[in-house]
Amino acid sequence: MEMSQIALNQGLTFLVWATGVVLIVVAGFLVKLLIDLSVLAKNLNQTSIIVNEELKPTLNELNQTLSSINEIVKNTDKGVGDFKSAISGFVDKTKLLSGTLLGGLFKGFSTAYNMFKK
């Protein structure tokens, strides 16, 4: 019985030491992980600051470009509207003139036809 007691004590002692070593190794890796995460957070913060500073002028430039494009589109739309109204007026006048000419031409043909018919 004494021999099994010694073997049991040695086994438990080895288990305690092995558990302690494993816990120390895991704690070391955990500390390294926390340090790396801290460095990563600092780098992400610096990156976001840099992106924010670089993005503001780009967005301002984009806003100015879009305003210029909007002005060009408005001017083009106004020009197209003016051209459309000018063409519409021309077509109306042409339609009136051609209607008058066509009416006169038809009346002339009918008069000539009636003259030849008799």
PDB file of N, CA and C in Angstrom:
ATOM      1  N   MET A   1       0.787  -1.166   0.000  1.00  0.00           N
ATOM      2  CA  MET A   1       0.000   0.000   0.000  1.00  0.00           C
ATOM      3  C   MET A   1       0.853   1.263   0.000  1.00  0.00           C
ATOM      4  N   GLU A   2       1.920   1.198   0.670  1.00  0.00           N
ATOM      5  CA  GLU A   2       2.816   2.337   0.713  1.00  0.00           C
ATOM      6  C   GLU A   2       3.364   2.665  -0.676  1.00  0.00           C
ATOM      7  N   MET A   3       3.621   1.657  -1.447  1.00  0.00           N
ATOM      8  CA  MET A   3       4.174   1.843  -2.784  1.00  0.00           C
ATOM      9  C   MET A   3       3.147   2.511  -3.711  1.00  0.00           C
ATOM     10  N   SER A   4       1.903   2.139  -3.591  1.00  0.00           N
ATOM     11  CA  SER A   4       0.881   2.741  -4.435  1.00  0.00           C
ATOM     12  C   SER A   4       0.639   4.193  -4.013  1.00  0.00           C
ATOM     13  N   GLN A   5       0.793   4.462  -2.692  1.00  0.00           N
ATOM     14  CA  GLN A   5       0.643   5.832  -2.197  1.00  0.00           C
ATOM     15  C   GLN A   5       1.744   6.724  -2.786  1.00  0.00           C
ATOM     16  N   ILE A   6       2.946   6.245  -2.858  1.00  0.00           N
ATOM     17  CA  ILE A   6       4.076   7.007  -3.412  1.00  0.00           C
ATOM     18  C   ILE A   6       3.862   7.215  -4.911  1.00  0.00           C
ATOM     19  N   ALA A   7       3.426   6.175  -5.603  1.00  0.00           N
ATOM     20  CA  ALA A   7       3.178   6.276  -7.035  1.00  0.00           C
ATOM     21  C   ALA A   7       2.050   7.269  -7.308  1.00  0.00           C
ATOM     22  N   LEU A   8       1.018   7.254  -6.466  1.00  0.00           N
ATOM     23  CA  LEU A   8      -0.094   8.176  -6.619  1.00  0.00           C
ATOM     24  C   LEU A   8       0.366   9.608  -6.368  1.00  0.00           C
ATOM     25  N   ASN A   9       1.179   9.818  -5.336  1.00  0.00           N
ATOM     26  CA  ASN A   9       1.712  11.152  -5.036  1.00  0.00           C
ATOM     27  C   ASN A   9       2.597  11.650  -6.174  1.00  0.00           C
ATOM     28  N   GLN A  10       3.411  10.784  -6.720  1.00  0.00           N
ATOM     29  CA  GLN A  10       4.293  11.181  -7.828  1.00  0.00           C
ATOM     30  C   GLN A  10       3.454  11.520  -9.076  1.00  0.00           C
ATOM     31  N   GLY A  11       2.430  10.748  -9.331  1.00  0.00           N
ATOM     32  CA  GLY A  11       1.557  10.999 -10.481  1.00  0.00           C
ATOM     33  C   GLY A  11       0.828  12.329 -10.336  1.00  0.00           C
ATOM     34  N   LEU A  12       0.312  12.586  -9.117  1.00  0.00           N
ATOM     35  CA  LEU A  12      -0.389  13.855  -8.889  1.00  0.00           C
ATOM     36  C   LEU A  12       0.568  15.038  -8.949  1.00  0.00           C
ATOM     37  N   THR A  13       1.766  14.848  -8.427  1.00  0.00           N
ATOM     38  CA  THR A  13       2.765  15.914  -8.484  1.00  0.00           C
ATOM     39  C   THR A  13       3.123  16.216  -9.945  1.00  0.00           C
ATOM     40  N   PHE A  14       3.328  15.181 -10.741  1.00  0.00           N
ATOM     41  CA  PHE A  14       3.622  15.385 -12.162  1.00  0.00           C
ATOM     42  C   PHE A  14       2.454  16.088 -12.861  1.00  0.00           C
ATOM     43  N   LEU A  15       1.230  15.713 -12.530  1.00  0.00           N
ATOM     44  CA  LEU A  15       0.050  16.327 -13.124  1.00  0.00           C
ATOM     45  C   LEU A  15      -0.032  17.801 -12.755  1.00  0.00           C
ATOM     46  N   VAL A  16       0.260  18.152 -11.519  1.00  0.00           N
ATOM     47  CA  VAL A  16       0.224  19.547 -11.080  1.00  0.00           C
ATOM     48  C   VAL A  16       1.286  20.352 -11.822  1.00  0.00           C
ATOM     49  N   TRP A  17       2.499  19.796 -11.908  1.00  0.00           N
ATOM     50  CA  TRP A  17       3.579  20.506 -12.606  1.00  0.00           C
ATOM     51  C   TRP A  17       3.254  20.654 -14.103  1.00  0.00           C
ATOM     52  N   ALA A  18       2.738  19.638 -14.720  1.00  0.00           N
ATOM     53  CA  ALA A  18       2.407  19.700 -16.149  1.00  0.00           C
ATOM     54  C   ALA A  18       1.281  20.709 -16.388  1.00  0.00           C
ATOM     55  N   THR A  19       0.289  20.714 -15.503  1.00  0.00           N
ATOM     56  CA  THR A  19      -0.804  21.677 -15.623  1.00  0.00           C
ATOM     57  C   THR A  19      -0.287  23.098 -15.449  1.00  0.00           C
ATOM     58  N   GLY A  20       0.611  23.300 -14.488  1.00  0.00           N
ATOM     59  CA  GLY A  20       1.211  24.622 -14.268  1.00  0.00           C
ATOM     60  C   GLY A  20       1.983  25.097 -15.489  1.00  0.00           C
ATOM     61  N   VAL A  21       2.765  24.202 -16.083  1.00  0.00           N
ATOM     62  CA  VAL A  21       3.544  24.572 -17.268  1.00  0.00           C
ATOM     63  C   VAL A  21       2.606  24.912 -18.427  1.00  0.00           C
ATOM     64  N   VAL A  22       1.580  24.106 -18.627  1.00  0.00           N
ATOM     65  CA  VAL A  22       0.624  24.370 -19.703  1.00  0.00           C
ATOM     66  C   VAL A  22      -0.082  25.706 -19.465  1.00  0.00           C
ATOM     67  N   LEU A  23      -0.491  25.987 -18.228  1.00  0.00           N
ATOM     68  CA  LEU A  23      -1.147  27.255 -17.918  1.00  0.00           C
ATOM     69  C   LEU A  23      -0.212  28.437 -18.147  1.00  0.00           C
ATOM     70  N   ILE A  24       1.058  28.298 -17.804  1.00  0.00           N
ATOM     71  CA  ILE A  24       2.028  29.373 -18.038  1.00  0.00           C
ATOM     72  C   ILE A  24       2.212  29.617 -19.535  1.00  0.00           C
ATOM     73  N   VAL A  25       2.305  28.532 -20.313  1.00  0.00           N
ATOM     74  CA  VAL A  25       2.452  28.676 -21.767  1.00  0.00           C
ATOM     75  C   VAL A  25       1.208  29.327 -22.370  1.00  0.00           C
ATOM     76  N   VAL A  26       0.028  28.888 -21.943  1.00  0.00           N
ATOM     77  CA  VAL A  26      -1.216  29.470 -22.455  1.00  0.00           C
ATOM     78  C   VAL A  26      -1.319  30.939 -22.045  1.00  0.00           C
ATOM     79  N   ALA A  27      -0.951  31.268 -20.808  1.00  0.00           N
ATOM     80  CA  ALA A  27      -0.977  32.659 -20.352  1.00  0.00           C
ATOM     81  C   ALA A  27      -0.003  33.506 -21.165  1.00  0.00           C
ATOM     82  N   GLY A  28       1.171  32.964 -21.488  1.00  0.00           N
ATOM     83  CA  GLY A  28       2.135  33.698 -22.314  1.00  0.00           C
ATOM     84  C   GLY A  28       1.565  33.994 -23.693  1.00  0.00           C
ATOM     85  N   PHE A  29       0.955  32.981 -24.312  1.00  0.00           N
ATOM     86  CA  PHE A  29       0.343  33.207 -25.621  1.00  0.00           C
ATOM     87  C   PHE A  29      -0.824  34.195 -25.535  1.00  0.00           C
ATOM     88  N   LEU A  30      -1.567  34.137 -24.428  1.00  0.00           N
ATOM     89  CA  LEU A  30      -2.684  35.057 -24.247  1.00  0.00           C
ATOM     90  C   LEU A  30      -2.180  36.500 -24.106  1.00  0.00           C
ATOM     91  N   VAL A  31      -1.106  36.684 -23.368  1.00  0.00           N
ATOM     92  CA  VAL A  31      -0.520  38.018 -23.222  1.00  0.00           C
ATOM     93  C   VAL A  31      -0.016  38.512 -24.584  1.00  0.00           C
ATOM     94  N   LYS A  32       0.664  37.630 -25.328  1.00  0.00           N
ATOM     95  CA  LYS A  32       1.148  38.005 -26.675  1.00  0.00           C
ATOM     96  C   LYS A  32      -0.026  38.373 -27.581  1.00  0.00           C
ATOM     97  N   LEU A  33      -1.118  37.621 -27.490  1.00  0.00           N
ATOM     98  CA  LEU A  33      -2.305  37.918 -28.284  1.00  0.00           C
ATOM     99  C   LEU A  33      -2.877  39.284 -27.921  1.00  0.00           C
ATOM    100  N   LEU A  34      -2.950  39.595 -26.636  1.00  0.00           N
ATOM    101  CA  LEU A  34      -3.478  40.891 -26.209  1.00  0.00           C
ATOM    102  C   LEU A  34      -2.580  42.040 -26.666  1.00  0.00           C
ATOM    103  N   ILE A  35      -1.270  41.851 -26.617  1.00  0.00           N
ATOM    104  CA  ILE A  35      -0.339  42.884 -27.090  1.00  0.00           C
ATOM    105  C   ILE A  35      -0.510  43.094 -28.591  1.00  0.00           C
ATOM    106  N   ASP A  36      -0.605  41.991 -29.351  1.00  0.00           N
ATOM    107  CA  ASP A  36      -0.799  42.113 -30.804  1.00  0.00           C
ATOM    108  C   ASP A  36      -2.129  42.779 -31.139  1.00  0.00           C
ATOM    109  N   LEU A  37      -3.179  42.461 -30.388  1.00  0.00           N
ATOM    110  CA  LEU A  37      -4.473  43.109 -30.620  1.00  0.00           C
ATOM    111  C   LEU A  37      -4.417  44.601 -30.301  1.00  0.00           C
ATOM    112  N   SER A  38      -3.667  44.961 -29.283  1.00  0.00           N
ATOM    113  CA  SER A  38      -3.503  46.376 -28.939  1.00  0.00           C
ATOM    114  C   SER A  38      -2.775  47.122 -30.058  1.00  0.00           C
ATOM    115  N   VAL A  39      -1.713  46.523 -30.582  1.00  0.00           N
ATOM    116  CA  VAL A  39      -0.983  47.136 -31.692  1.00  0.00           C
ATOM    117  C   VAL A  39      -1.879  47.242 -32.927  1.00  0.00           C
ATOM    118  N   LEU A  40      -2.659  46.196 -33.182  1.00  0.00           N
ATOM    119  CA  LEU A  40      -3.578  46.216 -34.316  1.00  0.00           C
ATOM    120  C   LEU A  40      -4.611  47.328 -34.162  1.00  0.00           C
ATOM    121  N   ALA A  41      -5.141  47.502 -32.960  1.00  0.00           N
ATOM    122  CA  ALA A  41      -6.128  48.558 -32.723  1.00  0.00           C
ATOM    123  C   ALA A  41      -5.510  49.933 -32.950  1.00  0.00           C
ATOM    124  N   LYS A  42      -4.270  50.126 -32.506  1.00  0.00           N
ATOM    125  CA  LYS A  42      -3.593  51.408 -32.727  1.00  0.00           C
ATOM    126  C   LYS A  42      -3.386  51.653 -34.220  1.00  0.00           C
ATOM    127  N   ASN A  43      -2.972  50.623 -34.949  1.00  0.00           N
ATOM    128  CA  ASN A  43      -2.761  50.761 -36.390  1.00  0.00           C
ATOM    129  C   ASN A  43      -4.069  51.059 -37.118  1.00  0.00           C
ATOM    130  N   LEU A  44      -5.142  50.387 -36.704  1.00  0.00           N
ATOM    131  CA  LEU A  44      -6.446  50.654 -37.318  1.00  0.00           C
ATOM    132  C   LEU A  44      -6.907  52.085 -37.045  1.00  0.00           C
ATOM    133  N   ASN A  45      -6.635  52.573 -35.843  1.00  0.00           N
ATOM    134  CA  ASN A  45      -6.992  53.946 -35.499  1.00  0.00           C
ATOM    135  C   ASN A  45      -6.212  54.929 -36.364  1.00  0.00           C
ATOM    136  N   GLN A  46      -4.918  54.710 -36.514  1.00  0.00           N
ATOM    137  CA  GLN A  46      -4.099  55.589 -37.360  1.00  0.00           C
ATOM    138  C   GLN A  46      -4.549  55.519 -38.820  1.00  0.00           C
ATOM    139  N   THR A  47      -4.870  54.313 -39.279  1.00  0.00           N
ATOM    140  CA  THR A  47      -5.336  54.147 -40.663  1.00  0.00           C
ATOM    141  C   THR A  47      -6.645  54.888 -40.876  1.00  0.00           C
ATOM    142  N   SER A  48      -7.559  54.783 -39.926  1.00  0.00           N
ATOM    143  CA  SER A  48      -8.843  55.485 -40.077  1.00  0.00           C
ATOM    144  C   SER A  48      -8.649  56.995 -40.051  1.00  0.00           C
ATOM    145  N   ILE A  49      -7.717  57.491 -39.254  1.00  0.00           N
ATOM    146  CA  ILE A  49      -7.432  58.934 -39.234  1.00  0.00           C
ATOM    147  C   ILE A  49      -6.877  59.381 -40.580  1.00  0.00           C
ATOM    148  N   ILE A  50      -5.932  58.602 -41.126  1.00  0.00           N
ATOM    149  CA  ILE A  50      -5.330  58.946 -42.421  1.00  0.00           C
ATOM    150  C   ILE A  50      -6.379  58.910 -43.524  1.00  0.00           C
ATOM    151  N   VAL A  51      -7.210  57.875 -43.533  1.00  0.00           N
ATOM    152  CA  VAL A  51      -8.256  57.757 -44.563  1.00  0.00           C
ATOM    153  C   VAL A  51      -9.239  58.918 -44.439  1.00  0.00           C
ATOM    154  N   ASN A  52      -9.585  59.285 -43.220  1.00  0.00           N
ATOM    155  CA  ASN A  52     -10.511  60.397 -43.002  1.00  0.00           C
ATOM    156  C   ASN A  52      -9.917  61.700 -43.531  1.00  0.00           C
ATOM    157  N   GLU A  53      -8.638  61.940 -43.252  1.00  0.00           N
ATOM    158  CA  GLU A  53      -7.995  63.172 -43.710  1.00  0.00           C
ATOM    159  C   GLU A  53      -7.852  63.195 -45.232  1.00  0.00           C
ATOM    160  N   GLU A  54      -7.597  62.044 -45.827  1.00  0.00           N
ATOM    161  CA  GLU A  54      -7.428  61.985 -47.281  1.00  0.00           C
ATOM    162  C   GLU A  54      -8.764  61.954 -48.012  1.00  0.00           C
ATOM    163  N   LEU A  55      -9.795  61.499 -47.344  1.00  0.00           N
ATOM    164  CA  LEU A  55     -11.090  61.357 -47.995  1.00  0.00           C
ATOM    165  C   LEU A  55     -11.841  62.687 -48.077  1.00  0.00           C
ATOM    166  N   LYS A  56     -11.628  63.577 -47.125  1.00  0.00           N
ATOM    167  CA  LYS A  56     -12.338  64.865 -47.136  1.00  0.00           C
ATOM    168  C   LYS A  56     -12.044  65.674 -48.394  1.00  0.00           C
ATOM    169  N   PRO A  57     -10.769  65.883 -48.771  1.00  0.00           N
ATOM    170  CA  PRO A  57     -10.528  66.637 -50.013  1.00  0.00           C
ATOM    171  C   PRO A  57     -11.081  65.924 -51.251  1.00  0.00           C
ATOM    172  N   THR A  58     -11.005  64.610 -51.252  1.00  0.00           N
ATOM    173  CA  THR A  58     -11.529  63.858 -52.399  1.00  0.00           C
ATOM    174  C   THR A  58     -13.033  64.041 -52.509  1.00  0.00           C
ATOM    175  N   LEU A  59     -13.724  63.986 -51.385  1.00  0.00           N
ATOM    176  CA  LEU A  59     -15.178  64.183 -51.408  1.00  0.00           C
ATOM    177  C   LEU A  59     -15.545  65.608 -51.807  1.00  0.00           C
ATOM    178  N   ASN A  60     -14.756  66.591 -51.357  1.00  0.00           N
ATOM    179  CA  ASN A  60     -15.013  67.970 -51.766  1.00  0.00           C
ATOM    180  C   ASN A  60     -14.821  68.132 -53.276  1.00  0.00           C
ATOM    181  N   GLU A  61     -13.770  67.524 -53.799  1.00  0.00           N
ATOM    182  CA  GLU A  61     -13.514  67.576 -55.233  1.00  0.00           C
ATOM    183  C   GLU A  61     -14.643  66.896 -56.015  1.00  0.00           C
ATOM    184  N   LEU A  62     -15.088  65.745 -55.517  1.00  0.00           N
ATOM    185  CA  LEU A  62     -16.186  65.029 -56.157  1.00  0.00           C
ATOM    186  C   LEU A  62     -17.465  65.857 -56.135  1.00  0.00           C
ATOM    187  N   ASN A  63     -17.700  66.537 -55.036  1.00  0.00           N
ATOM    188  CA  ASN A  63     -18.880  67.390 -54.914  1.00  0.00           C
ATOM    189  C   ASN A  63     -18.823  68.529 -55.926  1.00  0.00           C
ATOM    190  N   GLN A  64     -17.650  69.151 -56.082  1.00  0.00           N
ATOM    191  CA  GLN A  64     -17.504  70.225 -57.070  1.00  0.00           C
ATOM    192  C   GLN A  64     -17.702  69.697 -58.483  1.00  0.00           C
ATOM    193  N   THR A  65     -17.159  68.522 -58.747  1.00  0.00           N
ATOM    194  CA  THR A  65     -17.316  67.921 -60.081  1.00  0.00           C
ATOM    195  C   THR A  65     -18.779  67.646 -60.374  1.00  0.00           C
ATOM    196  N   LEU A  66     -19.484  67.093 -59.401  1.00  0.00           N
ATOM    197  CA  LEU A  66     -20.910  66.805 -59.596  1.00  0.00           C
ATOM    198  C   LEU A  66     -21.715  68.088 -59.777  1.00  0.00           C
ATOM    199  N   SER A  67     -21.332  69.156 -59.073  1.00  0.00           N
ATOM    200  CA  SER A  67     -22.018  70.441 -59.263  1.00  0.00           C
ATOM    201  C   SER A  67     -21.789  70.962 -60.677  1.00  0.00           C
ATOM    202  N   SER A  68     -20.558  70.836 -61.167  1.00  0.00           N
ATOM    203  CA  SER A  68     -20.258  71.277 -62.539  1.00  0.00           C
ATOM    204  C   SER A  68     -21.046  70.462 -63.553  1.00  0.00           C
ATOM    205  N   ILE A  69     -21.093  69.162 -63.358  1.00  0.00           N
ATOM    206  CA  ILE A  69     -21.856  68.300 -64.266  1.00  0.00           C
ATOM    207  C   ILE A  69     -23.332  68.664 -64.220  1.00  0.00           C
ATOM    208  N   ASN A  70     -23.841  68.956 -63.033  1.00  0.00           N
ATOM    209  CA  ASN A  70     -25.246  69.343 -62.887  1.00  0.00           C
ATOM    210  C   ASN A  70     -25.531  70.636 -63.646  1.00  0.00           C
ATOM    211  N   GLU A  71     -24.617  71.609 -63.568  1.00  0.00           N
ATOM    212  CA  GLU A  71     -24.791  72.862 -64.303  1.00  0.00           C
ATOM    213  C   GLU A  71     -24.777  72.615 -65.810  1.00  0.00           C
ATOM    214  N   ILE A  72     -23.865  71.762 -66.261  1.00  0.00           N
ATOM    215  CA  ILE A  72     -23.788  71.443 -67.693  1.00  0.00           C
ATOM    216  C   ILE A  72     -25.096  70.798 -68.163  1.00  0.00           C
ATOM    217  N   VAL A  73     -25.612  69.867 -67.353  1.00  0.00           N
ATOM    218  CA  VAL A  73     -26.863  69.190 -67.717  1.00  0.00           C
ATOM    219  C   VAL A  73     -28.024  70.185 -67.745  1.00  0.00           C
ATOM    220  N   LYS A  74     -28.062  71.112 -66.778  1.00  0.00           N
ATOM    221  CA  LYS A  74     -29.137  72.113 -66.769  1.00  0.00           C
ATOM    222  C   LYS A  74     -29.052  73.003 -68.001  1.00  0.00           C
ATOM    223  N   ASN A  75     -27.836  73.446 -68.346  1.00  0.00           N
ATOM    224  CA  ASN A  75     -27.678  74.295 -69.532  1.00  0.00           C
ATOM    225  C   ASN A  75     -28.048  73.542 -70.804  1.00  0.00           C
ATOM    226  N   THR A  76     -27.645  72.288 -70.874  1.00  0.00           N
ATOM    227  CA  THR A  76     -27.992  71.470 -72.035  1.00  0.00           C
ATOM    228  C   THR A  76     -29.491  71.278 -72.127  1.00  0.00           C
ATOM    229  N   ASP A  77     -30.133  71.015 -70.989  1.00  0.00           N
ATOM    230  CA  ASP A  77     -31.585  70.834 -70.973  1.00  0.00           C
ATOM    231  C   ASP A  77     -32.290  72.109 -71.427  1.00  0.00           C
ATOM    232  N   LYS A  78     -31.785  73.261 -70.970  1.00  0.00           N
ATOM    233  CA  LYS A  78     -32.371  74.536 -71.387  1.00  0.00           C
ATOM    234  C   LYS A  78     -32.186  74.735 -72.891  1.00  0.00           C
ATOM    235  N   GLY A  79     -30.983  74.410 -73.393  1.00  0.00           N
ATOM    236  CA  GLY A  79     -30.723  74.542 -74.828  1.00  0.00           C
ATOM    237  C   GLY A  79     -31.612  73.631 -75.654  1.00  0.00           C
ATOM    238  N   VAL A  80     -31.793  72.401 -75.173  1.00  0.00           N
ATOM    239  CA  VAL A  80     -32.662  71.455 -75.884  1.00  0.00           C
ATOM    240  C   VAL A  80     -34.105  71.951 -75.861  1.00  0.00           C
ATOM    241  N   GLY A  81     -34.522  72.508 -74.738  1.00  0.00           N
ATOM    242  CA  GLY A  81     -35.881  73.051 -74.651  1.00  0.00           C
ATOM    243  C   GLY A  81     -36.080  74.211 -75.610  1.00  0.00           C
ATOM    244  N   ASP A  82     -35.074  75.107 -75.680  1.00  0.00           N
ATOM    245  CA  ASP A  82     -35.167  76.231 -76.620  1.00  0.00           C
ATOM    246  C   ASP A  82     -35.197  75.735 -78.065  1.00  0.00           C
ATOM    247  N   PHE A  83     -34.343  74.758 -78.366  1.00  0.00           N
ATOM    248  CA  PHE A  83     -34.311  74.195 -79.722  1.00  0.00           C
ATOM    249  C   PHE A  83     -35.639  73.528 -80.054  1.00  0.00           C
ATOM    250  N   LYS A  84     -36.193  72.822 -79.081  1.00  0.00           N
ATOM    251  CA  LYS A  84     -37.474  72.142 -79.298  1.00  0.00           C
ATOM    252  C   LYS A  84     -38.583  73.155 -79.564  1.00  0.00           C
ATOM    253  N   SER A  85     -38.600  74.245 -78.807  1.00  0.00           N
ATOM    254  CA  SER A  85     -39.645  75.252 -79.025  1.00  0.00           C
ATOM    255  C   SER A  85     -39.447  75.944 -80.372  1.00  0.00           C
ATOM    256  N   ALA A  86     -38.172  76.157 -80.767  1.00  0.00           N
ATOM    257  CA  ALA A  86     -37.925  76.776 -82.071  1.00  0.00           C
ATOM    258  C   ALA A  86     -38.375  75.855 -83.195  1.00  0.00           C
ATOM    259  N   ILE A  87     -38.055  74.588 -83.091  1.00  0.00           N
ATOM    260  CA  ILE A  87     -38.475  73.613 -84.100  1.00  0.00           C
ATOM    261  C   ILE A  87     -39.995  73.501 -84.124  1.00  0.00           C
ATOM    262  N   SER A  88     -40.608  73.527 -82.946  1.00  0.00           N
ATOM    263  CA  SER A  88     -42.071  73.434 -82.876  1.00  0.00           C
ATOM    264  C   SER A  88     -42.715  74.632 -83.582  1.00  0.00           C
ATOM    265  N   GLY A  89     -42.175  75.834 -83.345  1.00  0.00           N
ATOM    266  CA  GLY A  89     -42.693  77.029 -84.027  1.00  0.00           C
ATOM    267  C   GLY A  89     -42.495  76.936 -85.527  1.00  0.00           C
ATOM    268  N   PHE A  90     -41.320  76.458 -85.945  1.00  0.00           N
ATOM    269  CA  PHE A  90     -41.044  76.306 -87.381  1.00  0.00           C
ATOM    270  C   PHE A  90     -41.994  75.303 -88.016  1.00  0.00           C
ATOM    271  N   VAL A  91     -42.218  74.171 -87.318  1.00  0.00           N
ATOM    272  CA  VAL A  91     -43.124  73.142 -87.849  1.00  0.00           C
ATOM    273  C   VAL A  91     -44.542  73.683 -87.931  1.00  0.00           C
ATOM    274  N   ASP A  92     -44.972  74.447 -86.914  1.00  0.00           N
ATOM    275  CA  ASP A  92     -46.321  75.024 -86.950  1.00  0.00           C
ATOM    276  C   ASP A  92     -46.476  75.979 -88.131  1.00  0.00           C
ATOM    277  N   LYS A  93     -45.463  76.829 -88.340  1.00  0.00           N
ATOM    278  CA  LYS A  93     -45.532  77.767 -89.461  1.00  0.00           C
ATOM    279  C   LYS A  93     -45.495  77.025 -90.791  1.00  0.00           C
ATOM    280  N   THR A  94     -44.655  75.991 -90.872  1.00  0.00           N
ATOM    281  CA  THR A  94     -44.570  75.200 -92.093  1.00  0.00           C
ATOM    282  C   THR A  94     -45.877  74.475 -92.357  1.00  0.00           C
ATOM    283  N   LYS A  95     -46.475  73.961 -91.279  1.00  0.00           N
ATOM    284  CA  LYS A  95     -47.753  73.255 -91.420  1.00  0.00           C
ATOM    285  C   LYS A  95     -48.834  74.210 -91.905  1.00  0.00           C
ATOM    286  N   LEU A  96     -48.841  75.413 -91.367  1.00  0.00           N
ATOM    287  CA  LEU A  96     -49.821  76.403 -91.784  1.00  0.00           C
ATOM    288  C   LEU A  96     -49.611  76.781 -93.258  1.00  0.00           C
ATOM    289  N   LEU A  97     -48.344  76.998 -93.622  1.00  0.00           N
ATOM    290  CA  LEU A  97     -48.039  77.367 -94.999  1.00  0.00           C
ATOM    291  C   LEU A  97     -48.368  76.225 -95.955  1.00  0.00           C
ATOM    292  N   SER A  98     -47.971  75.008 -95.594  1.00  0.00           N
ATOM    293  CA  SER A  98     -48.244  73.873 -96.481  1.00  0.00           C
ATOM    294  C   SER A  98     -49.743  73.594 -96.549  1.00  0.00           C
ATOM    295  N   GLY A  99     -50.456  73.802 -95.443  1.00  0.00           N
ATOM    296  CA  GLY A  99     -51.910  73.628 -95.460  1.00  0.00           C
ATOM    297  C   GLY A  99     -52.561  74.629 -96.395  1.00  0.00           C
ATOM    298  N   THR A 100     -52.094  75.860 -96.343  1.00  0.00           N
ATOM    299  CA  THR A 100     -52.633  76.900 -97.216  1.00  0.00           C
ATOM    300  C   THR A 100     -52.296  76.590 -98.668  1.00  0.00           C
ATOM    301  N   LEU A 101     -51.030  76.208 -98.907  1.00  0.00           N
ATOM    302  CA  LEU A 101     -50.630  75.880-100.279  1.00  0.00           C
ATOM    303  C   LEU A 101     -51.380  74.658-100.793  1.00  0.00           C
ATOM    304  N   LEU A 102     -51.480  73.637 -99.958  1.00  0.00           N
ATOM    305  CA  LEU A 102     -52.172  72.415-100.368  1.00  0.00           C
ATOM    306  C   LEU A 102     -53.649  72.692-100.618  1.00  0.00           C
ATOM    307  N   GLY A 103     -54.240  73.531 -99.751  1.00  0.00           N
ATOM    308  CA  GLY A 103     -55.650  73.897 -99.942  1.00  0.00           C
ATOM    309  C   GLY A 103     -55.835  74.668-101.243  1.00  0.00           C
ATOM    310  N   GLY A 104     -54.920  75.628-101.475  1.00  0.00           N
ATOM    311  CA  GLY A 104     -54.987  76.411-102.718  1.00  0.00           C
ATOM    312  C   GLY A 104     -54.746  75.537-103.928  1.00  0.00           C
ATOM    313  N   LEU A 105     -53.790  74.611-103.833  1.00  0.00           N
ATOM    314  CA  LEU A 105     -53.492  73.709-104.938  1.00  0.00           C
ATOM    315  C   LEU A 105     -54.689  72.810-105.227  1.00  0.00           C
ATOM    316  N   PHE A 106     -55.303  72.283-104.193  1.00  0.00           N
ATOM    317  CA  PHE A 106     -56.468  71.423-104.361  1.00  0.00           C
ATOM    318  C   PHE A 106     -57.634  72.216-104.972  1.00  0.00           C
ATOM    319  N   LYS A 107     -57.791  73.449-104.480  1.00  0.00           N
ATOM    320  CA  LYS A 107     -58.871  74.289-105.021  1.00  0.00           C
ATOM    321  C   LYS A 107     -58.612  74.605-106.503  1.00  0.00           C
ATOM    322  N   GLY A 108     -57.330  74.851-106.830  1.00  0.00           N
ATOM    323  CA  GLY A 108     -56.978  75.132-108.225  1.00  0.00           C
ATOM    324  C   GLY A 108     -57.235  73.927-109.114  1.00  0.00           C
ATOM    325  N   PHE A 109     -56.832  72.732-108.640  1.00  0.00           N
ATOM    326  CA  PHE A 109     -57.098  71.522-109.429  1.00  0.00           C
ATOM    327  C   PHE A 109     -58.589  71.276-109.606  1.00  0.00           C
ATOM    328  N   SER A 110     -59.343  71.475-108.528  1.00  0.00           N
ATOM    329  CA  SER A 110     -60.786  71.245-108.651  1.00  0.00           C
ATOM    330  C   SER A 110     -61.423  72.265-109.600  1.00  0.00           C
ATOM    331  N   THR A 111     -60.951  73.505-109.576  1.00  0.00           N
ATOM    332  CA  THR A 111     -61.473  74.515-110.493  1.00  0.00           C
ATOM    333  C   THR A 111     -61.114  74.164-111.933  1.00  0.00           C
ATOM    334  N   ALA A 112     -59.866  73.734-112.181  1.00  0.00           N
ATOM    335  CA  ALA A 112     -59.436  73.349-113.507  1.00  0.00           C
ATOM    336  C   ALA A 112     -60.204  72.114-113.974  1.00  0.00           C
ATOM    337  N   TYR A 113     -60.445  71.205-113.089  1.00  0.00           N
ATOM    338  CA  TYR A 113     -61.193  69.995-113.427  1.00  0.00           C
ATOM    339  C   TYR A 113     -62.627  70.334-113.815  1.00  0.00           C
ATOM    340  N   ASN A 114     -63.217  71.215-113.030  1.00  0.00           N
ATOM    341  CA  ASN A 114     -64.586  71.634-113.325  1.00  0.00           C
ATOM    342  C   ASN A 114     -64.661  72.372-114.654  1.00  0.00           C
ATOM    343  N   MET A 115     -63.606  73.129-114.991  1.00  0.00           N
ATOM    344  CA  MET A 115     -63.594  73.850-116.268  1.00  0.00           C
ATOM    345  C   MET A 115     -63.488  72.875-117.432  1.00  0.00           C
ATOM    346  N   PHE A 116     -62.626  71.872-117.292  1.00  0.00           N
ATOM    347  CA  PHE A 116     -62.456  70.896-118.356  1.00  0.00           C
ATOM    348  C   PHE A 116     -63.640  69.935-118.454  1.00  0.00           C
ATOM    349  N   LYS A 117     -64.315  69.752-117.352  1.00  0.00           N
ATOM    350  CA  LYS A 117     -65.437  68.833-117.305  1.00  0.00           C
ATOM    351  C   LYS A 117     -66.599  69.363-118.132  1.00  0.00           C
ATOM    352  N   LYS A 118     -66.782  70.661-118.202  1.00  0.00           N
ATOM    353  CA  LYS A 118     -67.913  71.248-118.916  1.00  0.00           C
ATOM    354  C   LYS A 118     -67.654  71.246-120.346  1.00  0.00           C
TER     355      LYS A 118
END
